[in-house]
Every structure is written in structure tokens, then in C-alpha cells.
N, C-alpha and C. Protein backbone atom coordinates (compact mmCIF):
# COMPACT_ATOMS: atom_id res chain seq x y z
N MET A 1 0.76 -1.18 -0.02
CA MET A 1 -0.15 0.04 0.00
C MET A 1 0.98 1.25 -0.06
N ARG A 2 0.57 2.09 -0.99
CA ARG A 2 1.24 3.30 -1.06
C ARG A 2 0.85 4.33 0.00
N ASN A 3 1.98 5.27 0.44
CA ASN A 3 1.72 6.41 1.25
C ASN A 3 1.71 7.71 0.38
N HIS A 4 0.38 8.22 0.19
CA HIS A 4 0.09 9.30 -0.73
C HIS A 4 0.49 10.49 0.13
N ARG A 5 0.96 11.46 -0.51
CA ARG A 5 1.09 12.85 0.11
C ARG A 5 0.56 13.94 -0.58
N ASN A 6 0.10 14.81 0.18
CA ASN A 6 -0.67 16.00 -0.80
C ASN A 6 0.52 17.11 -0.94
N LEU A 7 0.34 18.09 -1.62
CA LEU A 7 1.18 19.18 -1.97
C LEU A 7 1.87 19.80 -0.59
N ARG A 8 1.02 20.18 0.26
CA ARG A 8 1.57 20.89 1.40
C ARG A 8 2.57 19.76 2.08
N GLN A 9 2.28 18.56 2.04
CA GLN A 9 3.26 17.67 2.78
C GLN A 9 4.49 17.60 1.97
N ILE A 10 4.70 17.61 0.72
CA ILE A 10 5.61 17.51 -0.07
C ILE A 10 6.59 18.70 -0.30
N PHE A 11 5.83 19.79 -0.19
CA PHE A 11 6.69 21.16 -0.25
C PHE A 11 6.86 22.17 0.80
N ALA A 12 6.47 21.58 2.07
CA ALA A 12 6.57 22.26 3.34
C ALA A 12 7.90 22.56 3.68
N LEU A 13 8.80 21.59 3.78
CA LEU A 13 10.33 21.88 4.16
C LEU A 13 10.99 22.60 3.26
N PRO A 14 10.99 22.06 1.72
CA PRO A 14 11.61 23.05 0.79
C PRO A 14 11.17 24.57 0.96
N ILE A 15 9.92 24.75 1.14
CA ILE A 15 9.78 26.15 1.20
C ILE A 15 10.29 26.95 2.51
N LEU A 16 10.29 26.11 3.68
CA LEU A 16 10.95 26.55 4.97
C LEU A 16 12.25 26.71 4.51
N VAL A 17 12.95 25.83 3.98
CA VAL A 17 14.51 25.98 3.77
C VAL A 17 14.78 27.40 2.90
N GLY A 18 13.79 27.57 1.90
CA GLY A 18 13.77 28.77 1.04
C GLY A 18 13.57 29.97 1.72
N ILE A 19 12.52 30.02 2.68
CA ILE A 19 12.38 31.14 3.38
C ILE A 19 13.52 31.46 4.34
N LEU A 20 14.19 30.44 4.88
CA LEU A 20 15.25 30.69 5.77
C LEU A 20 16.60 31.14 5.04
N SER A 21 16.62 30.67 3.75
CA SER A 21 17.70 31.13 3.10
C SER A 21 17.51 32.63 2.63
N THR A 22 16.49 32.92 2.38
CA THR A 22 16.02 34.24 1.99
C THR A 22 16.44 35.30 3.26
N VAL A 23 15.83 34.87 4.44
CA VAL A 23 16.18 35.61 5.51
C VAL A 23 17.70 35.94 5.70
N GLY A 24 18.42 34.79 5.39
CA GLY A 24 19.78 34.91 5.63
C GLY A 24 20.44 35.93 4.50
N LEU A 25 19.93 35.92 3.44
CA LEU A 25 20.62 36.66 2.60
C LEU A 25 20.30 38.22 2.76
N VAL A 26 18.95 38.37 3.19
CA VAL A 26 18.71 39.63 3.74
C VAL A 26 19.40 40.11 4.92
N ALA A 27 19.57 39.13 5.83
CA ALA A 27 20.29 39.52 6.95
C ALA A 27 21.83 40.10 6.57
N ALA A 28 22.43 39.25 5.71
CA ALA A 28 23.76 39.68 5.37
C ALA A 28 23.89 40.93 4.86
N LEU A 29 22.65 41.49 3.98
CA LEU A 29 22.80 42.87 3.63
C LEU A 29 22.40 43.86 4.23
N VAL A 30 21.69 43.74 5.28
CA VAL A 30 21.02 44.66 6.28
C VAL A 30 22.05 45.26 7.19
N GLY A 31 22.71 44.33 7.82
CA GLY A 31 23.47 44.87 9.27
C GLY A 31 24.62 44.12 9.50
N ASP A 32 25.16 44.51 10.52
CA ASP A 32 26.41 43.70 11.18
C ASP A 32 26.09 43.30 12.39
N GLY A 33 26.93 42.63 13.27
CA GLY A 33 26.71 42.20 14.54
C GLY A 33 25.98 40.96 14.65
N TRP A 34 24.66 40.96 15.16
CA TRP A 34 23.91 39.73 15.30
C TRP A 34 23.40 39.47 13.99
N TRP A 35 23.28 40.35 12.99
CA TRP A 35 22.77 40.08 11.77
C TRP A 35 23.57 38.97 11.00
N ASP A 36 24.92 39.12 11.31
CA ASP A 36 25.99 38.34 10.63
C ASP A 36 25.75 36.92 11.15
N GLY A 37 25.48 36.81 12.48
CA GLY A 37 25.13 35.44 13.08
C GLY A 37 23.96 34.86 12.34
N LEU A 38 22.94 35.80 12.18
CA LEU A 38 21.78 35.11 11.78
C LEU A 38 21.93 34.75 10.25
N SER A 39 22.69 35.55 9.46
CA SER A 39 22.92 35.18 8.14
C SER A 39 23.76 33.73 8.19
N TRP A 40 24.85 33.54 8.80
CA TRP A 40 25.55 32.42 8.74
C TRP A 40 24.81 31.22 9.33
N THR A 41 23.88 31.32 10.05
CA THR A 41 23.20 30.26 10.64
C THR A 41 22.09 29.92 9.61
N SER A 42 21.24 30.73 9.08
CA SER A 42 20.40 30.41 8.17
C SER A 42 20.97 29.96 6.71
N LEU A 43 22.05 30.49 6.13
CA LEU A 43 22.63 30.11 5.16
C LEU A 43 23.32 28.83 5.19
N SER A 44 23.77 28.37 6.33
CA SER A 44 24.49 27.14 6.48
C SER A 44 23.51 26.13 6.71
N LEU A 45 22.05 26.28 6.80
CA LEU A 45 21.24 25.05 6.85
C LEU A 45 21.17 24.38 5.46
N PRO A 46 21.19 24.95 4.30
CA PRO A 46 20.94 24.17 3.09
C PRO A 46 22.28 23.28 2.94
N VAL A 47 23.45 23.81 3.33
CA VAL A 47 24.71 23.08 3.28
C VAL A 47 24.71 21.85 4.21
N LEU A 48 24.45 22.20 5.34
CA LEU A 48 24.10 20.93 6.30
C LEU A 48 23.11 20.00 5.90
N LEU A 49 22.14 20.48 5.32
CA LEU A 49 21.17 19.57 4.87
C LEU A 49 21.74 18.59 3.60
N TYR A 50 22.40 19.20 2.74
CA TYR A 50 22.98 18.52 1.53
C TYR A 50 23.88 17.49 2.18
N PHE A 51 24.76 17.75 3.10
CA PHE A 51 25.92 16.76 3.68
C PHE A 51 25.07 15.69 4.32
N PHE A 52 24.02 16.13 5.28
CA PHE A 52 23.18 15.06 5.93
C PHE A 52 22.62 13.93 5.11
N PHE A 53 21.90 14.56 3.98
CA PHE A 53 21.17 13.48 3.13
C PHE A 53 22.17 12.81 2.21
N THR A 54 23.17 13.28 1.94
CA THR A 54 24.35 12.65 1.03
C THR A 54 24.92 11.52 1.79
N ILE A 55 25.31 11.90 3.05
CA ILE A 55 25.84 10.70 3.98
C ILE A 55 24.83 9.64 4.23
N ARG A 56 23.67 9.97 4.44
CA ARG A 56 22.60 9.14 4.69
C ARG A 56 22.24 8.27 3.57
N ARG A 57 22.22 8.85 2.41
CA ARG A 57 21.98 7.97 1.06
C ARG A 57 23.10 7.09 0.83
N GLN A 58 24.35 7.48 1.02
CA GLN A 58 25.41 6.56 0.96
C GLN A 58 25.35 5.55 1.96
N ALA A 59 24.92 5.71 3.15
CA ALA A 59 24.94 4.68 4.25
C ALA A 59 23.62 3.64 3.77
N THR A 60 22.84 4.01 3.26
CA THR A 60 21.58 3.22 2.87
C THR A 60 21.99 2.40 1.60
N SER A 61 22.76 3.01 0.70
CA SER A 61 22.97 2.35 -0.48
C SER A 61 24.14 1.11 -0.24
N ARG A 62 24.80 1.17 0.89
CA ARG A 62 25.62 0.10 1.34
C ARG A 62 25.06 -1.04 1.82
N ASP A 63 23.78 -0.95 2.41
CA ASP A 63 23.04 -2.05 2.90
C ASP A 63 22.66 -2.95 1.80
């Protein structure tokens, strides 16, 4: 039996990552200080997710 998902379930996390990336880009342009920390944190999320899912995929392909 297949697990069907609606559009909201499929696109919720990618939209959230896109919004956080946009916040990071705007924060990098707007100011200094804690804005820099916000931009680094939110812009590092896609990179960390990439590494997480790459490592996870390699681990499952070895099984």
C-alpha cells in the first residue's frame, strides 16, 4: 500500500528552507553584529542538509 502525500506535505520543508535562506541573504545585506550570526546560521542550513542527506544516502546504499 502506498503512502500518498498532498502538495503541502511535499513542499513544506523545501519552502521553509527557501524562506530561511532568503532571511539569511537579507540579514547579510542589512546589518552587522547579530545580523551576521543570523545570516551565517540560516545560510549554513542548506549546506548542512545537503551533507546530511548525502551521507544518509550513501549509508543506505551500502546495505
